[in-house]
mmCIF file of all heavy atoms, coordinates in Angstrom:
data_MODEL
# 
_entry.id   MODEL 
# 
loop_
_atom_site.group_PDB 
_atom_site.id 
_atom_site.type_symbol 
_atom_site.label_atom_id 
_atom_site.label_alt_id 
_atom_site.label_comp_id 
_atom_site.label_asym_id 
_atom_site.label_entity_id 
_atom_site.label_seq_id 
_atom_site.pdbx_PDB_ins_code 
_atom_site.Cartn_x 
_atom_site.Cartn_y 
_atom_site.Cartn_z 
_atom_site.occupancy 
_atom_site.B_iso_or_equiv 
_atom_site.pdbx_formal_charge 
_atom_site.auth_seq_id 
_atom_site.auth_comp_id 
_atom_site.auth_asym_id 
_atom_site.auth_atom_id 
_atom_site.pdbx_PDB_model_num 
ATOM 1   N N   . SER A 1 1  ? 17.775 17.502 -9.702  1.00 0.00 ? 1  SER A N   1 
ATOM 2   C CA  . SER A 1 1  ? 18.393 16.413 -10.466 1.00 0.00 ? 1  SER A CA  1 
ATOM 3   C C   . SER A 1 1  ? 18.587 15.187 -9.587  1.00 0.00 ? 1  SER A C   1 
ATOM 4   O O   . SER A 1 1  ? 18.356 14.058 -10.018 1.00 0.00 ? 1  SER A O   1 
ATOM 5   C CB  . SER A 1 1  ? 19.742 16.853 -11.023 1.00 0.00 ? 1  SER A CB  1 
ATOM 6   O OG  . SER A 1 1  ? 19.576 17.904 -11.928 1.00 0.00 ? 1  SER A OG  1 
ATOM 7   N N   . ARG A 1 2  ? 19.003 15.398 -8.357  1.00 0.00 ? 2  ARG A N   1 
ATOM 8   C CA  . ARG A 1 2  ? 19.190 14.289 -7.425  1.00 0.00 ? 2  ARG A CA  1 
ATOM 9   C C   . ARG A 1 2  ? 17.873 13.566 -7.188  1.00 0.00 ? 2  ARG A C   1 
ATOM 10  O O   . ARG A 1 2  ? 17.826 12.335 -7.146  1.00 0.00 ? 2  ARG A O   1 
ATOM 11  C CB  . ARG A 1 2  ? 19.750 14.795 -6.100  1.00 0.00 ? 2  ARG A CB  1 
ATOM 12  C CG  . ARG A 1 2  ? 19.881 13.718 -5.043  1.00 0.00 ? 2  ARG A CG  1 
ATOM 13  C CD  . ARG A 1 2  ? 20.191 14.337 -3.690  1.00 0.00 ? 2  ARG A CD  1 
ATOM 14  N NE  . ARG A 1 2  ? 20.040 13.364 -2.639  1.00 0.00 ? 2  ARG A NE  1 
ATOM 15  C CZ  . ARG A 1 2  ? 18.899 13.105 -2.012  1.00 0.00 ? 2  ARG A CZ  1 
ATOM 16  N NH1 . ARG A 1 2  ? 17.795 13.755 -2.331  1.00 0.00 ? 2  ARG A NH1 1 
ATOM 17  N NH2 . ARG A 1 2  ? 18.856 12.193 -1.056  1.00 0.00 ? 2  ARG A NH2 1 
ATOM 18  N N   . ASP A 1 3  ? 16.784 14.327 -7.043  1.00 0.00 ? 3  ASP A N   1 
ATOM 19  C CA  . ASP A 1 3  ? 15.475 13.692 -6.867  1.00 0.00 ? 3  ASP A CA  1 
ATOM 20  C C   . ASP A 1 3  ? 15.125 12.825 -8.076  1.00 0.00 ? 3  ASP A C   1 
ATOM 21  O O   . ASP A 1 3  ? 14.586 11.732 -7.922  1.00 0.00 ? 3  ASP A O   1 
ATOM 22  C CB  . ASP A 1 3  ? 14.391 14.745 -6.652  1.00 0.00 ? 3  ASP A CB  1 
ATOM 23  C CG  . ASP A 1 3  ? 14.111 14.988 -5.181  1.00 0.00 ? 3  ASP A CG  1 
ATOM 24  O OD1 . ASP A 1 3  ? 14.931 14.577 -4.337  1.00 0.00 ? 3  ASP A OD1 1 
ATOM 25  O OD2 . ASP A 1 3  ? 13.053 15.565 -4.882  1.00 0.00 ? 3  ASP A OD2 1 
ATOM 26  N N   . LEU A 1 4  ? 15.417 13.318 -9.271  1.00 0.00 ? 4  LEU A N   1 
ATOM 27  C CA  . LEU A 1 4  ? 15.149 12.526 -10.477 1.00 0.00 ? 4  LEU A CA  1 
ATOM 28  C C   . LEU A 1 4  ? 16.036 11.280 -10.526 1.00 0.00 ? 4  LEU A C   1 
ATOM 29  O O   . LEU A 1 4  ? 15.633 10.240 -11.047 1.00 0.00 ? 4  LEU A O   1 
ATOM 30  C CB  . LEU A 1 4  ? 15.345 13.378 -11.725 1.00 0.00 ? 4  LEU A CB  1 
ATOM 31  C CG  . LEU A 1 4  ? 14.336 14.513 -11.906 1.00 0.00 ? 4  LEU A CG  1 
ATOM 32  C CD1 . LEU A 1 4  ? 14.718 15.380 -13.103 1.00 0.00 ? 4  LEU A CD1 1 
ATOM 33  C CD2 . LEU A 1 4  ? 12.920 13.983 -12.048 1.00 0.00 ? 4  LEU A CD2 1 
ATOM 34  N N   . LEU A 1 5  ? 17.229 11.376 -9.966  1.00 0.00 ? 5  LEU A N   1 
ATOM 35  C CA  . LEU A 1 5  ? 18.136 10.229 -9.940  1.00 0.00 ? 5  LEU A CA  1 
ATOM 36  C C   . LEU A 1 5  ? 17.634 9.099  -9.036  1.00 0.00 ? 5  LEU A C   1 
ATOM 37  O O   . LEU A 1 5  ? 18.141 7.978  -9.101  1.00 0.00 ? 5  LEU A O   1 
ATOM 38  C CB  . LEU A 1 5  ? 19.537 10.661 -9.484  1.00 0.00 ? 5  LEU A CB  1 
ATOM 39  C CG  . LEU A 1 5  ? 20.371 11.391 -10.523 1.00 0.00 ? 5  LEU A CG  1 
ATOM 40  C CD1 . LEU A 1 5  ? 21.620 11.986 -9.877  1.00 0.00 ? 5  LEU A CD1 1 
ATOM 41  C CD2 . LEU A 1 5  ? 20.741 10.470 -11.668 1.00 0.00 ? 5  LEU A CD2 1 
ATOM 42  N N   . HIS A 1 6  ? 16.636 9.392  -8.221  1.00 0.00 ? 6  HIS A N   1 
ATOM 43  C CA  . HIS A 1 6  ? 16.088 8.331  -7.364  1.00 0.00 ? 6  HIS A CA  1 
ATOM 44  C C   . HIS A 1 6  ? 15.475 7.212  -8.187  1.00 0.00 ? 6  HIS A C   1 
ATOM 45  O O   . HIS A 1 6  ? 15.164 6.149  -7.656  1.00 0.00 ? 6  HIS A O   1 
ATOM 46  C CB  . HIS A 1 6  ? 15.081 8.891  -6.359  1.00 0.00 ? 6  HIS A CB  1 
ATOM 47  C CG  . HIS A 1 6  ? 15.736 9.436  -5.138  1.00 0.00 ? 6  HIS A CG  1 
ATOM 48  N ND1 . HIS A 1 6  ? 16.520 8.675  -4.296  1.00 0.00 ? 6  HIS A ND1 1 
ATOM 49  C CD2 . HIS A 1 6  ? 15.734 10.671 -4.613  1.00 0.00 ? 6  HIS A CD2 1 
ATOM 50  C CE1 . HIS A 1 6  ? 16.964 9.423  -3.313  1.00 0.00 ? 6  HIS A CE1 1 
ATOM 51  N NE2 . HIS A 1 6  ? 16.515 10.647 -3.484  1.00 0.00 ? 6  HIS A NE2 1 
ATOM 52  N N   . VAL A 1 7  ? 15.323 7.421  -9.489  1.00 0.00 ? 7  VAL A N   1 
ATOM 53  C CA  . VAL A 1 7  ? 14.891 6.348  -10.387 1.00 0.00 ? 7  VAL A CA  1 
ATOM 54  C C   . VAL A 1 7  ? 15.881 5.178  -10.280 1.00 0.00 ? 7  VAL A C   1 
ATOM 55  O O   . VAL A 1 7  ? 15.505 4.024  -10.412 1.00 0.00 ? 7  VAL A O   1 
ATOM 56  C CB  . VAL A 1 7  ? 14.765 6.910  -11.815 1.00 0.00 ? 7  VAL A CB  1 
ATOM 57  C CG1 . VAL A 1 7  ? 15.506 6.149  -12.845 1.00 0.00 ? 7  VAL A CG1 1 
ATOM 58  C CG2 . VAL A 1 7  ? 13.336 7.056  -12.197 1.00 0.00 ? 7  VAL A CG2 1 
ATOM 59  N N   . LEU A 1 8  ? 17.141 5.490  -9.983  1.00 0.00 ? 8  LEU A N   1 
ATOM 60  C CA  . LEU A 1 8  ? 18.149 4.443  -9.798  1.00 0.00 ? 8  LEU A CA  1 
ATOM 61  C C   . LEU A 1 8  ? 17.868 3.601  -8.557  1.00 0.00 ? 8  LEU A C   1 
ATOM 62  O O   . LEU A 1 8  ? 18.332 2.462  -8.454  1.00 0.00 ? 8  LEU A O   1 
ATOM 63  C CB  . LEU A 1 8  ? 19.547 5.066  -9.671  1.00 0.00 ? 8  LEU A CB  1 
ATOM 64  C CG  . LEU A 1 8  ? 20.060 5.893  -10.839 1.00 0.00 ? 8  LEU A CG  1 
ATOM 65  C CD1 . LEU A 1 8  ? 21.355 6.604  -10.459 1.00 0.00 ? 8  LEU A CD1 1 
ATOM 66  C CD2 . LEU A 1 8  ? 20.261 5.014  -12.052 1.00 0.00 ? 8  LEU A CD2 1 
ATOM 67  N N   . ASP A 1 9  ? 17.140 4.163  -7.617  1.00 0.00 ? 9  ASP A N   1 
ATOM 68  C CA  . ASP A 1 9  ? 16.869 3.468  -6.358  1.00 0.00 ? 9  ASP A CA  1 
ATOM 69  C C   . ASP A 1 9  ? 15.652 2.541  -6.450  1.00 0.00 ? 9  ASP A C   1 
ATOM 70  O O   . ASP A 1 9  ? 15.425 1.728  -5.570  1.00 0.00 ? 9  ASP A O   1 
ATOM 71  C CB  . ASP A 1 9  ? 16.625 4.488  -5.235  1.00 0.00 ? 9  ASP A CB  1 
ATOM 72  C CG  . ASP A 1 9  ? 17.851 5.327  -4.953  1.00 0.00 ? 9  ASP A CG  1 
ATOM 73  O OD1 . ASP A 1 9  ? 18.964 4.803  -5.050  1.00 0.00 ? 9  ASP A OD1 1 
ATOM 74  O OD2 . ASP A 1 9  ? 17.682 6.515  -4.633  1.00 0.00 ? 9  ASP A OD2 1 
ATOM 75  N N   . LEU A 1 10 ? 14.850 2.688  -7.499  1.00 0.00 ? 10 LEU A N   1 
ATOM 76  C CA  . LEU A 1 10 ? 13.582 1.974  -7.582  1.00 0.00 ? 10 LEU A CA  1 
ATOM 77  C C   . LEU A 1 10 ? 13.659 0.468  -7.809  1.00 0.00 ? 10 LEU A C   1 
ATOM 78  O O   . LEU A 1 10 ? 12.866 -0.253 -7.221  1.00 0.00 ? 10 LEU A O   1 
ATOM 79  C CB  . LEU A 1 10 ? 12.683 2.608  -8.652  1.00 0.00 ? 10 LEU A CB  1 
ATOM 80  C CG  . LEU A 1 10 ? 12.110 3.965  -8.263  1.00 0.00 ? 10 LEU A CG  1 
ATOM 81  C CD1 . LEU A 1 10 ? 11.352 4.557  -9.430  1.00 0.00 ? 10 LEU A CD1 1 
ATOM 82  C CD2 . LEU A 1 10 ? 11.226 3.865  -7.050  1.00 0.00 ? 10 LEU A CD2 1 
ATOM 83  N N   . PRO A 1 11 ? 14.555 -0.059 -8.656  1.00 0.00 ? 11 PRO A N   1 
ATOM 84  C CA  . PRO A 1 11 ? 14.513 -1.506 -8.888  1.00 0.00 ? 11 PRO A CA  1 
ATOM 85  C C   . PRO A 1 11 ? 14.603 -2.287 -7.581  1.00 0.00 ? 11 PRO A C   1 
ATOM 86  O O   . PRO A 1 11 ? 15.582 -2.204 -6.852  1.00 0.00 ? 11 PRO A O   1 
ATOM 87  C CB  . PRO A 1 11 ? 15.722 -1.775 -9.783  1.00 0.00 ? 11 PRO A CB  1 
ATOM 88  C CG  . PRO A 1 11 ? 15.980 -0.473 -10.464 1.00 0.00 ? 11 PRO A CG  1 
ATOM 89  C CD  . PRO A 1 11 ? 15.589 0.589  -9.458  1.00 0.00 ? 11 PRO A CD  1 
ATOM 90  N N   . LEU A 1 12 ? 13.546 -2.975 -7.298  1.00 0.00 ? 12 LEU A N   1 
ATOM 91  C CA  . LEU A 1 12 ? 13.428 -3.791 -6.081  1.00 0.00 ? 12 LEU A CA  1 
ATOM 92  C C   . LEU A 1 12 ? 13.619 -2.987 -4.797  1.00 0.00 ? 12 LEU A C   1 
ATOM 93  O O   . LEU A 1 12 ? 13.839 -3.548 -3.738  1.00 0.00 ? 12 LEU A O   1 
ATOM 94  C CB  . LEU A 1 12 ? 14.416 -4.956 -6.111  1.00 0.00 ? 12 LEU A CB  1 
ATOM 95  C CG  . LEU A 1 12 ? 14.322 -5.897 -7.315  1.00 0.00 ? 12 LEU A CG  1 
ATOM 96  C CD1 . LEU A 1 12 ? 15.435 -6.918 -7.272  1.00 0.00 ? 12 LEU A CD1 1 
ATOM 97  C CD2 . LEU A 1 12 ? 12.967 -6.578 -7.353  1.00 0.00 ? 12 LEU A CD2 1 
ATOM 98  N N   . LEU A 1 13 ? 13.571 -1.676 -4.885  1.00 0.00 ? 13 LEU A N   1 
ATOM 99  C CA  . LEU A 1 13 ? 13.757 -0.765 -3.745  1.00 0.00 ? 13 LEU A CA  1 
ATOM 100 C C   . LEU A 1 13 ? 15.123 -0.909 -3.081  1.00 0.00 ? 13 LEU A C   1 
ATOM 101 O O   . LEU A 1 13 ? 15.344 -0.410 -1.983  1.00 0.00 ? 13 LEU A O   1 
ATOM 102 C CB  . LEU A 1 13 ? 12.642 -0.947 -2.714  1.00 0.00 ? 13 LEU A CB  1 
ATOM 103 C CG  . LEU A 1 13 ? 11.227 -0.692 -3.218  1.00 0.00 ? 13 LEU A CG  1 
ATOM 104 C CD1 . LEU A 1 13 ? 10.219 -0.958 -2.112  1.00 0.00 ? 13 LEU A CD1 1 
ATOM 105 C CD2 . LEU A 1 13 ? 11.071 0.715  -3.739  1.00 0.00 ? 13 LEU A CD2 1 
ATOM 106 N N   . VAL A 1 14 ? 16.042 -1.589 -3.749  1.00 0.00 ? 14 VAL A N   1 
ATOM 107 C CA  . VAL A 1 14 ? 17.373 -1.822 -3.174  1.00 0.00 ? 14 VAL A CA  1 
ATOM 108 C C   . VAL A 1 14 ? 18.074 -0.506 -2.869  1.00 0.00 ? 14 VAL A C   1 
ATOM 109 O O   . VAL A 1 14 ? 18.686 -0.343 -1.819  1.00 0.00 ? 14 VAL A O   1 
ATOM 110 C CB  . VAL A 1 14 ? 18.233 -2.700 -4.120  1.00 0.00 ? 14 VAL A CB  1 
ATOM 111 C CG1 . VAL A 1 14 ? 19.667 -2.795 -3.626  1.00 0.00 ? 14 VAL A CG1 1 
ATOM 112 C CG2 . VAL A 1 14 ? 17.616 -4.066 -4.248  1.00 0.00 ? 14 VAL A CG2 1 
ATOM 113 N N   . GLY A 1 15 ? 17.966 0.458  -3.781  1.00 0.00 ? 15 GLY A N   1 
ATOM 114 C CA  . GLY A 1 15 ? 18.642 1.732  -3.581  1.00 0.00 ? 15 GLY A CA  1 
ATOM 115 C C   . GLY A 1 15 ? 18.143 2.490  -2.374  1.00 0.00 ? 15 GLY A C   1 
ATOM 116 O O   . GLY A 1 15 ? 18.908 3.161  -1.677  1.00 0.00 ? 15 GLY A O   1 
ATOM 117 N N   . PHE A 1 16 ? 16.827 2.389  -2.099  1.00 0.00 ? 16 PHE A N   1 
ATOM 118 C CA  . PHE A 1 16 ? 16.276 3.072  -0.933  1.00 0.00 ? 16 PHE A CA  1 
ATOM 119 C C   . PHE A 1 16 ? 16.701 2.399  0.363   1.00 0.00 ? 16 PHE A C   1 
ATOM 120 O O   . PHE A 1 16 ? 16.785 3.038  1.405   1.00 0.00 ? 16 PHE A O   1 
ATOM 121 C CB  . PHE A 1 16 ? 14.749 3.132  -1.002  1.00 0.00 ? 16 PHE A CB  1 
ATOM 122 C CG  . PHE A 1 16 ? 14.242 4.089  -2.041  1.00 0.00 ? 16 PHE A CG  1 
ATOM 123 C CD1 . PHE A 1 16 ? 13.544 3.638  -3.142  1.00 0.00 ? 16 PHE A CD1 1 
ATOM 124 C CD2 . PHE A 1 16 ? 14.464 5.452  -1.925  1.00 0.00 ? 16 PHE A CD2 1 
ATOM 125 C CE1 . PHE A 1 16 ? 13.076 4.516  -4.101  1.00 0.00 ? 16 PHE A CE1 1 
ATOM 126 C CE2 . PHE A 1 16 ? 14.006 6.347  -2.875  1.00 0.00 ? 16 PHE A CE2 1 
ATOM 127 C CZ  . PHE A 1 16 ? 13.307 5.870  -3.972  1.00 0.00 ? 16 PHE A CZ  1 
ATOM 128 N N   . LEU A 1 17 ? 16.958 1.104  0.297   1.00 0.00 ? 17 LEU A N   1 
ATOM 129 C CA  . LEU A 1 17 ? 17.396 0.377  1.494   1.00 0.00 ? 17 LEU A CA  1 
ATOM 130 C C   . LEU A 1 17 ? 18.919 0.375  1.643   1.00 0.00 ? 17 LEU A C   1 
ATOM 131 O O   . LEU A 1 17 ? 19.438 0.034  2.700   1.00 0.00 ? 17 LEU A O   1 
ATOM 132 C CB  . LEU A 1 17 ? 16.881 -1.069 1.442   1.00 0.00 ? 17 LEU A CB  1 
ATOM 133 C CG  . LEU A 1 17 ? 15.358 -1.211 1.417   1.00 0.00 ? 17 LEU A CG  1 
ATOM 134 C CD1 . LEU A 1 17 ? 14.972 -2.667 1.245   1.00 0.00 ? 17 LEU A CD1 1 
ATOM 135 C CD2 . LEU A 1 17 ? 14.733 -0.635 2.668   1.00 0.00 ? 17 LEU A CD2 1 
ATOM 136 N N   . TRP A 1 18 ? 19.626 0.775  0.606   1.00 0.00 ? 18 TRP A N   1 
ATOM 137 C CA  . TRP A 1 18 ? 21.096 0.761  0.616   1.00 0.00 ? 18 TRP A CA  1 
ATOM 138 C C   . TRP A 1 18 ? 21.702 1.516  1.799   1.00 0.00 ? 18 TRP A C   1 
ATOM 139 O O   . TRP A 1 18 ? 22.708 1.071  2.366   1.00 0.00 ? 18 TRP A O   1 
ATOM 140 C CB  . TRP A 1 18 ? 21.617 1.320  -0.708  1.00 0.00 ? 18 TRP A CB  1 
ATOM 141 C CG  . TRP A 1 18 ? 23.031 0.944  -0.976  1.00 0.00 ? 18 TRP A CG  1 
ATOM 142 C CD1 . TRP A 1 18 ? 24.138 1.717  -0.748  1.00 0.00 ? 18 TRP A CD1 1 
ATOM 143 C CD2 . TRP A 1 18 ? 23.512 -0.280 -1.502  1.00 0.00 ? 18 TRP A CD2 1 
ATOM 144 N NE1 . TRP A 1 18 ? 25.275 1.050  -1.119  1.00 0.00 ? 18 TRP A NE1 1 
ATOM 145 C CE2 . TRP A 1 18 ? 24.913 -0.193 -1.578  1.00 0.00 ? 18 TRP A CE2 1 
ATOM 146 C CE3 . TRP A 1 18 ? 22.889 -1.461 -1.916  1.00 0.00 ? 18 TRP A CE3 1 
ATOM 147 C CZ2 . TRP A 1 18 ? 25.699 -1.230 -2.048  1.00 0.00 ? 18 TRP A CZ2 1 
ATOM 148 C CZ3 . TRP A 1 18 ? 23.673 -2.496 -2.383  1.00 0.00 ? 18 TRP A CZ3 1 
ATOM 149 C CH2 . TRP A 1 18 ? 25.050 -2.367 -2.448  1.00 0.00 ? 18 TRP A CH2 1 
ATOM 150 N N   . PRO A 1 19 ? 21.130 2.651  2.225   1.00 0.00 ? 19 PRO A N   1 
ATOM 151 C CA  . PRO A 1 19 ? 21.732 3.362  3.363   1.00 0.00 ? 19 PRO A CA  1 
ATOM 152 C C   . PRO A 1 19 ? 21.815 2.541  4.648   1.00 0.00 ? 19 PRO A C   1 
ATOM 153 O O   . PRO A 1 19 ? 22.601 2.865  5.538   1.00 0.00 ? 19 PRO A O   1 
ATOM 154 C CB  . PRO A 1 19 ? 20.808 4.569  3.562   1.00 0.00 ? 19 PRO A CB  1 
ATOM 155 C CG  . PRO A 1 19 ? 20.198 4.800  2.227   1.00 0.00 ? 19 PRO A CG  1 
ATOM 156 C CD  . PRO A 1 19 ? 20.039 3.428  1.633   1.00 0.00 ? 19 PRO A CD  1 
ATOM 157 N N   . LEU A 1 20 ? 21.023 1.490  4.750   1.00 0.00 ? 20 LEU A N   1 
ATOM 158 C CA  . LEU A 1 20 ? 21.075 0.662  5.955   1.00 0.00 ? 20 LEU A CA  1 
ATOM 159 C C   . LEU A 1 20 ? 22.445 0.002  6.146   1.00 0.00 ? 20 LEU A C   1 
ATOM 160 O O   . LEU A 1 20 ? 22.857 -0.252 7.269   1.00 0.00 ? 20 LEU A O   1 
ATOM 161 C CB  . LEU A 1 20 ? 19.977 -0.409 5.914   1.00 0.00 ? 20 LEU A CB  1 
ATOM 162 C CG  . LEU A 1 20 ? 18.558 0.114  6.063   1.00 0.00 ? 20 LEU A CG  1 
ATOM 163 C CD1 . LEU A 1 20 ? 17.558 -0.984 5.753   1.00 0.00 ? 20 LEU A CD1 1 
ATOM 164 C CD2 . LEU A 1 20 ? 18.341 0.661  7.467   1.00 0.00 ? 20 LEU A CD2 1 
ATOM 165 N N   . GLY A 1 21 ? 23.151 -0.250 5.043   1.00 0.00 ? 21 GLY A N   1 
ATOM 166 C CA  . GLY A 1 21 ? 24.454 -0.898 5.157   1.00 0.00 ? 21 GLY A CA  1 
ATOM 167 C C   . GLY A 1 21 ? 25.606 -0.077 4.620   1.00 0.00 ? 21 GLY A C   1 
ATOM 168 O O   . GLY A 1 21 ? 26.734 -0.558 4.603   1.00 0.00 ? 21 GLY A O   1 
ATOM 169 N N   . ASP A 1 22 ? 25.329 1.144  4.202   1.00 0.00 ? 22 ASP A N   1 
ATOM 170 C CA  . ASP A 1 22 ? 26.368 1.982  3.611   1.00 0.00 ? 22 ASP A CA  1 
ATOM 171 C C   . ASP A 1 22 ? 27.091 2.793  4.682   1.00 0.00 ? 22 ASP A C   1 
ATOM 172 O O   . ASP A 1 22 ? 26.451 3.322  5.595   1.00 0.00 ? 22 ASP A O   1 
ATOM 173 C CB  . ASP A 1 22 ? 25.736 2.927  2.577   1.00 0.00 ? 22 ASP A CB  1 
ATOM 174 C CG  . ASP A 1 22 ? 26.770 3.696  1.789   1.00 0.00 ? 22 ASP A CG  1 
ATOM 175 O OD1 . ASP A 1 22 ? 27.412 3.086  0.912   1.00 0.00 ? 22 ASP A OD1 1 
ATOM 176 O OD2 . ASP A 1 22 ? 26.933 4.905  2.048   1.00 0.00 ? 22 ASP A OD2 1 
ATOM 177 N N   . ARG A 1 23 ? 28.404 2.905  4.547   1.00 0.00 ? 23 ARG A N   1 
ATOM 178 C CA  . ARG A 1 23 ? 29.216 3.634  5.537   1.00 0.00 ? 23 ARG A CA  1 
ATOM 179 C C   . ARG A 1 23 ? 28.758 5.074  5.685   1.00 0.00 ? 23 ARG A C   1 
ATOM 180 O O   . ARG A 1 23 ? 28.712 5.616  6.789   1.00 0.00 ? 23 ARG A O   1 
ATOM 181 C CB  . ARG A 1 23 ? 30.689 3.569  5.110   1.00 0.00 ? 23 ARG A CB  1 
ATOM 182 C CG  . ARG A 1 23 ? 31.650 4.290  6.003   1.00 0.00 ? 23 ARG A CG  1 
ATOM 183 C CD  . ARG A 1 23 ? 33.085 4.125  5.533   1.00 0.00 ? 23 ARG A CD  1 
ATOM 184 N NE  . ARG A 1 23 ? 33.320 4.620  4.188   1.00 0.00 ? 23 ARG A NE  1 
ATOM 185 C CZ  . ARG A 1 23 ? 33.623 5.893  3.901   1.00 0.00 ? 23 ARG A CZ  1 
ATOM 186 N NH1 . ARG A 1 23 ? 33.733 6.769  4.863   1.00 0.00 ? 23 ARG A NH1 1 
ATOM 187 N NH2 . ARG A 1 23 ? 33.814 6.270  2.656   1.00 0.00 ? 23 ARG A NH2 1 
ATOM 188 N N   . ARG A 1 24 ? 28.420 5.726  4.550   1.00 0.00 ? 24 ARG A N   1 
ATOM 189 C CA  . ARG A 1 24 ? 27.976 7.123  4.592   1.00 0.00 ? 24 ARG A CA  1 
ATOM 190 C C   . ARG A 1 24 ? 26.455 7.249  4.466   1.00 0.00 ? 24 ARG A C   1 
ATOM 191 O O   . ARG A 1 24 ? 25.941 8.338  4.299   1.00 0.00 ? 24 ARG A O   1 
ATOM 192 C CB  . ARG A 1 24 ? 28.677 7.917  3.489   1.00 0.00 ? 24 ARG A CB  1 
ATOM 193 C CG  . ARG A 1 24 ? 30.154 8.030  3.805   1.00 0.00 ? 24 ARG A CG  1 
ATOM 194 C CD  . ARG A 1 24 ? 31.028 8.610  2.754   1.00 0.00 ? 24 ARG A CD  1 
ATOM 195 N NE  . ARG A 1 24 ? 30.424 9.542  1.830   1.00 0.00 ? 24 ARG A NE  1 
ATOM 196 C CZ  . ARG A 1 24 ? 31.102 10.258 0.956   1.00 0.00 ? 24 ARG A CZ  1 
ATOM 197 N NH1 . ARG A 1 24 ? 32.398 10.151 0.904   1.00 0.00 ? 24 ARG A NH1 1 
ATOM 198 N NH2 . ARG A 1 24 ? 30.500 11.070 0.137   1.00 0.00 ? 24 ARG A NH2 1 
ATOM 199 N N   . ARG A 1 25 ? 25.766 6.112  4.550   1.00 0.00 ? 25 ARG A N   1 
ATOM 200 C CA  . ARG A 1 25 ? 24.300 6.052  4.526   1.00 0.00 ? 25 ARG A CA  1 
ATOM 201 C C   . ARG A 1 25 ? 23.713 6.722  3.284   1.00 0.00 ? 25 ARG A C   1 
ATOM 202 O O   . ARG A 1 25 ? 22.739 7.460  3.366   1.00 0.00 ? 25 ARG A O   1 
ATOM 203 C CB  . ARG A 1 25 ? 23.729 6.643  5.804   1.00 0.00 ? 25 ARG A CB  1 
ATOM 204 C CG  . ARG A 1 25 ? 24.187 5.875  7.029   1.00 0.00 ? 25 ARG A CG  1 
ATOM 205 C CD  . ARG A 1 25 ? 23.567 6.382  8.277   1.00 0.00 ? 25 ARG A CD  1 
ATOM 206 N NE  . ARG A 1 25 ? 24.051 5.602  9.407   1.00 0.00 ? 25 ARG A NE  1 
ATOM 207 C CZ  . ARG A 1 25 ? 24.056 6.024  10.644  1.00 0.00 ? 25 ARG A CZ  1 
ATOM 208 N NH1 . ARG A 1 25 ? 23.580 7.214  10.927  1.00 0.00 ? 25 ARG A NH1 1 
ATOM 209 N NH2 . ARG A 1 25 ? 24.505 5.271  11.603  1.00 0.00 ? 25 ARG A NH2 1 
ATOM 210 N N   . GLN A 1 26 ? 24.296 6.449  2.127   1.00 0.00 ? 26 GLN A N   1 
ATOM 211 C CA  . GLN A 1 26 ? 23.867 7.049  0.868   1.00 0.00 ? 26 GLN A CA  1 
ATOM 212 C C   . GLN A 1 26 ? 22.983 6.098  0.065   1.00 0.00 ? 26 GLN A C   1 
ATOM 213 O O   . GLN A 1 26 ? 23.225 4.898  0.045   1.00 0.00 ? 26 GLN A O   1 
ATOM 214 C CB  . GLN A 1 26 ? 25.074 7.410  -0.001  1.00 0.00 ? 26 GLN A CB  1 
ATOM 215 C CG  . GLN A 1 26 ? 25.935 8.512  0.537   1.00 0.00 ? 26 GLN A CG  1 
ATOM 216 C CD  . GLN A 1 26 ? 27.166 8.697  -0.314  1.00 0.00 ? 26 GLN A CD  1 
ATOM 217 O OE1 . GLN A 1 26 ? 28.010 7.813  -0.375  1.00 0.00 ? 26 GLN A OE1 1 
ATOM 218 N NE2 . GLN A 1 26 ? 27.258 9.840  -0.977  1.00 0.00 ? 26 GLN A NE2 1 
# 
């Protein structure tokens, strides 16, 4: 389910890059 939720990370790839600035790197 978590892998399928990566659809949330796709718009402009922002979600995939979010760990770069996230405290827990999520």
